[in-house]
Amino acid sequence: MNCSPVVLQTHVAQAFLPVFAAVIIVLLTRISLPILSLLLCSCDRLPETYPPPQQRQPQALTPDPAAMMVEMNDPDAAQHIVKDIYEPMSSSWRWTAKQPTVRVLVYAADNVKLSVDFAIWDEGFKQTGPLELSYFVNGRLLDQVKYATSGYKHFEKAVPADWLAADAESTISVDVDKLYVAPQDGVKFGFILTRIGFLR
């Protein structure tokens, strides 16, 4: 068979055309997919813009009135105790000695009252008789009260504003004139303290 060069070229071109087309399709697919992905990502809308929120002054915090009161069953009560208050006996109260003293942060000096909740033990009262308690704020005598009976007691009295300083610690102490002495071990007790501090 005698083939001219032109016919031969045509047969070769026809034979390689499907292969060449397949290579071109693969190359275009591999190149076009990343380009298409980039184009799709760049079509994303920018986020909307908003003006900044209106600026306001923060509200002044009003301290909790209970913050100036030391509850004897509070976990942090020991941080306020200065002296003469015994460890708790798994209860909401503690025994005191001669002059139980606590330290309290005062957040305001005006319209403040000293408040103490306590009890005089019946058995101890049989030994001591009537008790006189003296109430002190920052070393100044606020009041003296004589208690002729045992049982639950509450003391509350206004504290002069010039005795206190706002945002400063103040000391509160209660002096008991007579102590109960335990016959078995000689330990001395004053009264049973539940809470002590300032009210507003």
C-alpha atoms as a PDB file:
ATOM      1  CA  MET A   1       0.000   0.000   0.000  1.00  0.00           C
ATOM      2  CA  ASN A   2       1.425   3.289  -1.080  1.00  0.00           C
ATOM      3  CA  CYS A   3       0.575   6.182   1.242  1.00  0.00           C
ATOM      4  CA  SER A   4       1.381   9.719   0.582  1.00  0.00           C
ATOM      5  CA  PRO A   5       2.872  11.801   3.382  1.00  0.00           C
ATOM      6  CA  VAL A   6      -0.297  13.850   3.652  1.00  0.00           C
ATOM      7  CA  VAL A   7      -2.461  10.756   4.087  1.00  0.00           C
ATOM      8  CA  LEU A   8       0.014   9.369   6.607  1.00  0.00           C
ATOM      9  CA  GLN A   9      -0.087  12.556   8.606  1.00  0.00           C
ATOM     10  CA  THR A  10      -3.839  12.470   8.583  1.00  0.00           C
ATOM     11  CA  HIS A  11      -3.897   8.867   9.870  1.00  0.00           C
ATOM     12  CA  VAL A  12      -1.353   9.695  12.630  1.00  0.00           C
ATOM     13  CA  ALA A  13      -3.277  12.811  13.623  1.00  0.00           C
ATOM     14  CA  GLN A  14      -6.513  10.821  13.794  1.00  0.00           C
ATOM     15  CA  ALA A  15      -4.876   8.147  15.922  1.00  0.00           C
ATOM     16  CA  PHE A  16      -3.369  10.597  18.417  1.00  0.00           C
ATOM     17  CA  LEU A  17      -6.300  13.013  18.469  1.00  0.00           C
ATOM     18  CA  PRO A  18      -8.298  11.128  21.160  1.00  0.00           C
ATOM     19  CA  VAL A  19      -5.168  10.764  23.325  1.00  0.00           C
ATOM     20  CA  PHE A  20      -4.255  14.425  22.867  1.00  0.00           C
ATOM     21  CA  ALA A  21      -7.839  15.483  23.656  1.00  0.00           C
ATOM     22  CA  ALA A  22      -7.842  13.368  26.835  1.00  0.00           C
ATOM     23  CA  VAL A  23      -4.571  14.947  28.010  1.00  0.00           C
ATOM     24  CA  ILE A  24      -5.928  18.448  27.348  1.00  0.00           C
ATOM     25  CA  ILE A  25      -9.155  17.660  29.246  1.00  0.00           C
ATOM     26  CA  VAL A  26      -7.222  16.318  32.252  1.00  0.00           C
ATOM     27  CA  LEU A  27      -4.926  19.362  32.276  1.00  0.00           C
ATOM     28  CA  LEU A  28      -7.813  21.796  31.995  1.00  0.00           C
ATOM     29  CA  THR A  29      -9.722  20.001  34.771  1.00  0.00           C
ATOM     30  CA  ARG A  30      -6.757  20.072  37.127  1.00  0.00           C
ATOM     31  CA  ILE A  31      -6.065  23.735  36.476  1.00  0.00           C
ATOM     32  CA  SER A  32      -9.655  24.944  36.320  1.00  0.00           C
ATOM     33  CA  LEU A  33     -10.845  23.395  39.626  1.00  0.00           C
ATOM     34  CA  PRO A  34      -8.429  25.413  41.844  1.00  0.00           C
ATOM     35  CA  ILE A  35      -9.066  28.555  39.814  1.00  0.00           C
ATOM     36  CA  LEU A  36     -12.819  28.027  40.093  1.00  0.00           C
ATOM     37  CA  SER A  37     -12.489  27.440  43.872  1.00  0.00           C
ATOM     38  CA  LEU A  38     -10.538  30.682  44.261  1.00  0.00           C
ATOM     39  CA  LEU A  39     -13.098  32.580  42.223  1.00  0.00           C
ATOM     40  CA  LEU A  40     -15.956  31.205  44.335  1.00  0.00           C
ATOM     41  CA  CYS A  41     -14.202  32.131  47.590  1.00  0.00           C
ATOM     42  CA  SER A  42     -13.566  35.656  46.418  1.00  0.00           C
ATOM     43  CA  CYS A  43     -17.259  36.125  45.695  1.00  0.00           C
ATOM     44  CA  ASP A  44     -18.095  36.153  49.422  1.00  0.00           C
ATOM     45  CA  ARG A  45     -19.876  39.282  50.692  1.00  0.00           C
ATOM     46  CA  LEU A  46     -18.120  41.506  53.214  1.00  0.00           C
ATOM     47  CA  PRO A  47     -19.768  41.607  56.665  1.00  0.00           C
ATOM     48  CA  GLU A  48     -22.125  44.444  57.357  1.00  0.00           C
ATOM     49  CA  THR A  49     -20.775  47.291  59.442  1.00  0.00           C
ATOM     50  CA  TYR A  50     -22.514  48.708  62.480  1.00  0.00           C
ATOM     51  CA  PRO A  51     -21.865  51.860  64.480  1.00  0.00           C
ATOM     52  CA  PRO A  52     -20.176  51.363  67.891  1.00  0.00           C
ATOM     53  CA  PRO A  53     -22.601  50.967  70.824  1.00  0.00           C
ATOM     54  CA  GLN A  54     -23.596  54.014  72.791  1.00  0.00           C
ATOM     55  CA  GLN A  55     -21.148  54.668  75.626  1.00  0.00           C
ATOM     56  CA  ARG A  56     -22.578  54.768  79.155  1.00  0.00           C
ATOM     57  CA  GLN A  57     -21.122  55.325  82.594  1.00  0.00           C
ATOM     58  CA  PRO A  58     -21.110  52.118  84.668  1.00  0.00           C
ATOM     59  CA  GLN A  59     -23.643  52.069  87.469  1.00  0.00           C
ATOM     60  CA  ALA A  60     -22.231  52.491  90.937  1.00  0.00           C
ATOM     61  CA  LEU A  61     -22.424  49.240  92.861  1.00  0.00           C
ATOM     62  CA  THR A  62     -24.301  49.368  96.137  1.00  0.00           C
ATOM     63  CA  PRO A  63     -22.560  47.081  98.617  1.00  0.00           C
ATOM     64  CA  ASP A  64     -24.634  44.404 100.271  1.00  0.00           C
ATOM     65  CA  PRO A  65     -25.577  45.530 103.795  1.00  0.00           C
ATOM     66  CA  ALA A  66     -24.677  42.047 105.031  1.00  0.00           C
ATOM     67  CA  ALA A  67     -21.066  42.756 104.017  1.00  0.00           C
ATOM     68  CA  MET A  68     -20.578  44.690 107.286  1.00  0.00           C
ATOM     69  CA  MET A  69     -21.888  41.800 109.404  1.00  0.00           C
ATOM     70  CA  VAL A  70     -19.801  38.854 110.605  1.00  0.00           C
ATOM     71  CA  GLU A  71     -21.885  35.687 110.875  1.00  0.00           C
ATOM     72  CA  MET A  72     -20.132  33.128 113.103  1.00  0.00           C
ATOM     73  CA  ASN A  73     -21.010  30.289 110.704  1.00  0.00           C
ATOM     74  CA  ASP A  74     -19.579  32.059 107.611  1.00  0.00           C
ATOM     75  CA  PRO A  75     -16.564  30.274 106.102  1.00  0.00           C
ATOM     76  CA  ASP A  76     -14.627  33.567 106.098  1.00  0.00           C
ATOM     77  CA  ALA A  77     -15.530  34.556 109.688  1.00  0.00           C
ATOM     78  CA  ALA A  78     -12.008  33.699 110.910  1.00  0.00           C
ATOM     79  CA  GLN A  79     -10.595  36.455 108.663  1.00  0.00           C
ATOM     80  CA  HIS A  80     -12.544  39.044 110.675  1.00  0.00           C
ATOM     81  CA  ILE A  81     -11.776  37.723 114.168  1.00  0.00           C
ATOM     82  CA  VAL A  82      -9.104  39.652 116.055  1.00  0.00           C
ATOM     83  CA  LYS A  83      -9.275  37.906 119.438  1.00  0.00           C
ATOM     84  CA  ASP A  84     -11.284  36.103 122.140  1.00  0.00           C
ATOM     85  CA  ILE A  85     -13.637  34.130 119.865  1.00  0.00           C
ATOM     86  CA  TYR A  86     -13.238  30.353 120.004  1.00  0.00           C
ATOM     87  CA  GLU A  87     -13.361  27.963 117.050  1.00  0.00           C
ATOM     88  CA  PRO A  88     -16.894  26.873 116.048  1.00  0.00           C
ATOM     89  CA  MET A  89     -18.323  23.585 117.279  1.00  0.00           C
ATOM     90  CA  SER A  90     -20.162  22.626 114.055  1.00  0.00           C
ATOM     91  CA  SER A  91     -22.857  25.185 114.748  1.00  0.00           C
ATOM     92  CA  SER A  92     -23.966  28.682 113.792  1.00  0.00           C
ATOM     93  CA  TRP A  93     -22.442  30.229 116.933  1.00  0.00           C
ATOM     94  CA  ARG A  94     -19.127  30.436 118.786  1.00  0.00           C
ATOM     95  CA  TRP A  95     -18.137  30.810 122.401  1.00  0.00           C
ATOM     96  CA  THR A  96     -16.348  34.019 123.365  1.00  0.00           C
ATOM     97  CA  ALA A  97     -13.792  34.804 126.032  1.00  0.00           C
ATOM     98  CA  LYS A  98     -13.379  38.128 127.905  1.00  0.00           C
ATOM     99  CA  GLN A  99     -13.346  40.636 125.032  1.00  0.00           C
ATOM    100  CA  PRO A 100     -14.399  39.230 121.654  1.00  0.00           C
ATOM    101  CA  THR A 101     -13.158  41.548 118.897  1.00  0.00           C
ATOM    102  CA  VAL A 102     -13.751  41.591 115.138  1.00  0.00           C
ATOM    103  CA  ARG A 103     -12.564  43.749 112.251  1.00  0.00           C
ATOM    104  CA  VAL A 104     -15.120  44.863 109.631  1.00  0.00           C
ATOM    105  CA  LEU A 105     -14.795  46.919 106.448  1.00  0.00           C
ATOM    106  CA  VAL A 106     -17.195  49.866 106.667  1.00  0.00           C
ATOM    107  CA  TYR A 107     -18.426  51.066 103.276  1.00  0.00           C
ATOM    108  CA  ALA A 108     -20.351  54.096 104.610  1.00  0.00           C
ATOM    109  CA  ALA A 109     -20.055  56.053 107.860  1.00  0.00           C
ATOM    110  CA  ASP A 110     -23.523  57.632 108.081  1.00  0.00           C
ATOM    111  CA  ASN A 111     -26.674  55.955 109.446  1.00  0.00           C
ATOM    112  CA  VAL A 112     -24.757  52.949 110.773  1.00  0.00           C
ATOM    113  CA  LYS A 113     -25.839  50.873 113.779  1.00  0.00           C
ATOM    114  CA  LEU A 114     -23.834  48.376 115.792  1.00  0.00           C
ATOM    115  CA  SER A 115     -25.749  45.089 115.932  1.00  0.00           C
ATOM    116  CA  VAL A 116     -24.917  42.016 118.038  1.00  0.00           C
ATOM    117  CA  ASP A 117     -26.903  38.771 118.361  1.00  0.00           C
ATOM    118  CA  PHE A 118     -25.818  36.529 121.221  1.00  0.00           C
ATOM    119  CA  ALA A 119     -27.011  34.342 124.073  1.00  0.00           C
ATOM    120  CA  ILE A 120     -26.158  34.018 127.745  1.00  0.00           C
ATOM    121  CA  TRP A 121     -25.935  30.328 128.658  1.00  0.00           C
ATOM    122  CA  ASP A 122     -28.348  29.190 131.398  1.00  0.00           C
ATOM    123  CA  GLU A 123     -25.798  26.998 133.218  1.00  0.00           C
ATOM    124  CA  GLY A 124     -23.120  29.677 133.026  1.00  0.00           C
ATOM    125  CA  PHE A 125     -25.542  32.296 134.308  1.00  0.00           C
ATOM    126  CA  LYS A 126     -26.117  30.191 137.437  1.00  0.00           C
ATOM    127  CA  GLN A 127     -22.406  30.619 138.215  1.00  0.00           C
ATOM    128  CA  THR A 128     -21.880  34.249 137.136  1.00  0.00           C
ATOM    129  CA  GLY A 129     -25.206  35.883 137.916  1.00  0.00           C
ATOM    130  CA  PRO A 130     -26.156  39.060 135.997  1.00  0.00           C
ATOM    131  CA  LEU A 131     -23.614  40.179 133.377  1.00  0.00           C
ATOM    132  CA  GLU A 132     -22.634  43.638 132.205  1.00  0.00           C
ATOM    133  CA  LEU A 133     -21.503  43.943 128.595  1.00  0.00           C
ATOM    134  CA  SER A 134     -19.641  46.991 127.283  1.00  0.00           C
ATOM    135  CA  TYR A 135     -19.834  47.662 123.521  1.00  0.00           C
ATOM    136  CA  PHE A 136     -16.872  49.381 121.819  1.00  0.00           C
ATOM    137  CA  VAL A 137     -16.384  50.718 118.290  1.00  0.00           C
ATOM    138  CA  ASN A 138     -12.796  51.591 117.364  1.00  0.00           C
ATOM    139  CA  GLY A 139     -11.898  51.650 121.058  1.00  0.00           C
ATOM    140  CA  ARG A 140     -14.700  54.060 122.020  1.00  0.00           C
ATOM    141  CA  LEU A 141     -17.370  52.979 124.486  1.00  0.00           C
ATOM    142  CA  LEU A 142     -20.745  53.022 122.713  1.00  0.00           C
ATOM    143  CA  ASP A 143     -22.867  51.576 125.528  1.00  0.00           C
ATOM    144  CA  GLN A 144     -22.943  49.404 128.672  1.00  0.00           C
ATOM    145  CA  VAL A 145     -25.863  47.079 129.270  1.00  0.00           C
ATOM    146  CA  LYS A 146     -26.614  44.912 132.330  1.00  0.00           C
ATOM    147  CA  TYR A 147     -28.337  41.588 131.596  1.00  0.00           C
ATOM    148  CA  ALA A 148     -30.289  40.149 134.529  1.00  0.00           C
ATOM    149  CA  THR A 149     -31.490  37.010 132.700  1.00  0.00           C
ATOM    150  CA  SER A 150     -30.031  34.278 130.526  1.00  0.00           C
ATOM    151  CA  GLY A 151     -31.191  33.416 127.000  1.00  0.00           C
ATOM    152  CA  TYR A 152     -31.159  35.047 123.571  1.00  0.00           C
ATOM    153  CA  LYS A 153     -30.198  38.748 123.433  1.00  0.00           C
ATOM    154  CA  HIS A 154     -30.025  41.411 120.726  1.00  0.00           C
ATOM    155  CA  PHE A 155     -28.129  44.685 120.966  1.00  0.00           C
ATOM    156  CA  GLU A 156     -28.499  47.497 118.441  1.00  0.00           C
ATOM    157  CA  LYS A 157     -27.454  51.136 118.686  1.00  0.00           C
ATOM    158  CA  ALA A 158     -26.550  53.943 116.273  1.00  0.00           C
ATOM    159  CA  VAL A 159     -22.836  54.692 115.907  1.00  0.00           C
ATOM    160  CA  PRO A 160     -21.788  58.355 115.607  1.00  0.00           C
ATOM    161  CA  ALA A 161     -20.650  58.984 112.011  1.00  0.00           C
ATOM    162  CA  ASP A 162     -17.380  60.596 113.141  1.00  0.00           C
ATOM    163  CA  TRP A 163     -16.354  57.314 114.830  1.00  0.00           C
ATOM    164  CA  LEU A 164     -16.196  55.574 111.447  1.00  0.00           C
ATOM    165  CA  ALA A 165     -14.409  56.140 108.137  1.00  0.00           C
ATOM    166  CA  ALA A 166     -15.938  54.999 104.849  1.00  0.00           C
ATOM    167  CA  ASP A 167     -13.993  52.307 102.984  1.00  0.00           C
ATOM    168  CA  ALA A 168     -11.836  51.609 106.038  1.00  0.00           C
ATOM    169  CA  GLU A 169     -11.765  48.794 108.588  1.00  0.00           C
ATOM    170  CA  SER A 170     -13.251  49.328 112.037  1.00  0.00           C
ATOM    171  CA  THR A 171     -12.942  47.196 115.141  1.00  0.00           C
ATOM    172  CA  ILE A 172     -15.879  46.098 117.247  1.00  0.00           C
ATOM    173  CA  SER A 173     -15.423  44.587 120.664  1.00  0.00           C
ATOM    174  CA  VAL A 174     -17.690  43.532 123.497  1.00  0.00           C
ATOM    175  CA  ASP A 175     -16.267  43.312 126.993  1.00  0.00           C
ATOM    176  CA  VAL A 176     -18.004  40.982 129.462  1.00  0.00           C
ATOM    177  CA  ASP A 177     -17.459  41.765 133.171  1.00  0.00           C
ATOM    178  CA  LYS A 178     -17.601  38.163 134.485  1.00  0.00           C
ATOM    179  CA  LEU A 179     -16.628  34.853 132.908  1.00  0.00           C
ATOM    180  CA  TYR A 180     -18.012  31.375 133.398  1.00  0.00           C
ATOM    181  CA  VAL A 181     -15.235  28.961 134.425  1.00  0.00           C
ATOM    182  CA  ALA A 182     -15.772  25.334 133.380  1.00  0.00           C
ATOM    183  CA  PRO A 183     -15.291  23.165 136.503  1.00  0.00           C
ATOM    184  CA  GLN A 184     -13.749  20.197 134.646  1.00  0.00           C
ATOM    185  CA  ASP A 185     -10.899  22.014 132.817  1.00  0.00           C
ATOM    186  CA  GLY A 186     -10.924  25.655 134.000  1.00  0.00           C
ATOM    187  CA  VAL A 187     -11.617  27.084 130.514  1.00  0.00           C
ATOM    188  CA  LYS A 188     -13.245  30.533 130.717  1.00  0.00           C
ATOM    189  CA  PHE A 189     -16.266  31.525 128.629  1.00  0.00           C
ATOM    190  CA  GLY A 190     -18.084  34.813 128.128  1.00  0.00           C
ATOM    191  CA  PHE A 191     -21.223  34.402 126.029  1.00  0.00           C
ATOM    192  CA  ILE A 192     -22.453  32.627 122.888  1.00  0.00           C
ATOM    193  CA  LEU A 193     -21.979  34.837 119.824  1.00  0.00           C
ATOM    194  CA  THR A 194     -24.071  34.381 116.659  1.00  0.00           C
ATOM    195  CA  ARG A 195     -23.379  37.564 114.678  1.00  0.00           C
ATOM    196  CA  ILE A 196     -21.733  40.935 115.152  1.00  0.00           C
ATOM    197  CA  GLY A 197     -21.257  43.926 112.875  1.00  0.00           C
ATOM    198  CA  PHE A 198     -22.839  47.014 111.417  1.00  0.00           C
ATOM    199  CA  LEU A 199     -26.271  47.573 109.902  1.00  0.00           C
ATOM    200  CA  ARG A 200     -27.275  50.386 107.625  1.00  0.00           C
END
